């Protein structure tokens, strides 16, 4: 009986160690993905600003000021 209990505990400990390793790996992946998402958000904001500036310049160049200004 004690041998069976010992084997069950060893099996549980082995499974627990495996699960802990998987959690650590998933945490690393989630952390890296979070960093990537933040980087991509900043890139999108920069590109949006550039596009907005270009669009405003295009509008201004297509609508020159009247001569009396």
Protein backbone atom coordinates (compact mmCIF):
# COMPACT_ATOMS: atom_id res chain seq x y z
CA UNK A 1 0.00 0.00 0.00
CA UNK A 2 2.77 2.43 0.90
CA UNK A 3 4.59 1.55 -2.33
CA UNK A 4 1.45 2.25 -4.36
CA UNK A 5 0.95 5.59 -2.61
CA UNK A 6 4.59 6.50 -3.20
CA UNK A 7 4.25 5.70 -6.91
CA UNK A 8 1.08 7.79 -7.16
CA UNK A 9 2.79 10.72 -5.43
CA UNK A 10 5.79 10.43 -7.77
CA UNK A 11 3.45 10.40 -10.78
CA UNK A 12 1.60 13.47 -9.49
CA UNK A 13 4.89 15.27 -8.82
CA UNK A 14 6.09 14.42 -12.33
CA UNK A 15 2.88 15.77 -13.86
CA UNK A 16 3.11 18.87 -11.69
CA UNK A 17 6.70 19.53 -12.80
CA UNK A 18 5.62 19.16 -16.43
CA UNK A 19 2.71 21.55 -15.93
CA UNK A 20 4.94 24.09 -14.17
CA UNK A 21 7.32 23.97 -17.13
CA UNK A 22 4.44 24.50 -19.57
CA UNK A 23 3.15 27.45 -17.54
CA UNK A 24 6.61 29.05 -17.60
CA UNK A 25 6.81 28.59 -21.38
CA UNK A 26 3.33 30.01 -21.90
CA UNK A 27 4.18 32.97 -19.68
CA UNK A 28 7.27 33.69 -21.77
CA UNK A 29 5.22 33.52 -24.97
CA UNK A 30 2.52 35.78 -23.54
CA UNK A 31 5.12 38.29 -22.34
CA UNK A 32 6.84 38.40 -25.74
CA UNK A 33 3.51 38.75 -27.52
CA UNK A 34 2.56 41.61 -25.21
CA UNK A 35 5.81 43.38 -26.07
CA UNK A 36 5.20 42.79 -29.77
CA UNK A 37 1.64 44.12 -29.54
CA UNK A 38 2.89 47.30 -27.85
CA UNK A 39 5.60 47.74 -30.50
CA UNK A 40 3.08 47.23 -33.31
CA UNK A 41 0.62 49.67 -31.72
CA UNK A 42 3.34 52.33 -31.66
CA UNK A 43 4.22 51.61 -35.29
CA UNK A 44 0.57 51.92 -36.32
CA UNK A 45 0.28 55.23 -34.46
CA UNK A 46 3.39 56.55 -36.22
CA UNK A 47 2.13 55.43 -39.62
CA UNK A 48 -1.29 56.95 -38.94
CA UNK A 49 0.36 60.26 -38.12
CA UNK A 50 2.44 60.15 -41.29
CA UNK A 51 -0.60 59.31 -43.41
CA UNK A 52 -2.63 62.07 -41.79
CA UNK A 53 0.13 64.59 -42.50
CA UNK A 54 0.42 63.43 -46.10
CA UNK A 55 -3.33 63.63 -46.58
CA UNK A 56 -3.46 67.17 -45.17
CA UNK A 57 -0.61 68.22 -47.46
CA UNK A 58 -2.41 66.68 -50.45
CA UNK A 59 -5.62 68.50 -49.58
CA UNK A 60 -3.78 71.81 -49.16
CA UNK A 61 -1.98 71.41 -52.48
CA UNK A 62 -5.26 70.67 -54.29
CA UNK A 63 -7.00 73.68 -52.72
CA UNK A 64 -4.71 76.68 -53.18
CA UNK A 65 -5.52 79.90 -51.34
CA UNK A 66 -7.48 82.49 -53.24
CA UNK A 67 -5.37 85.38 -54.57
CA UNK A 68 -6.69 87.91 -52.02
CA UNK A 69 -5.06 85.99 -49.07
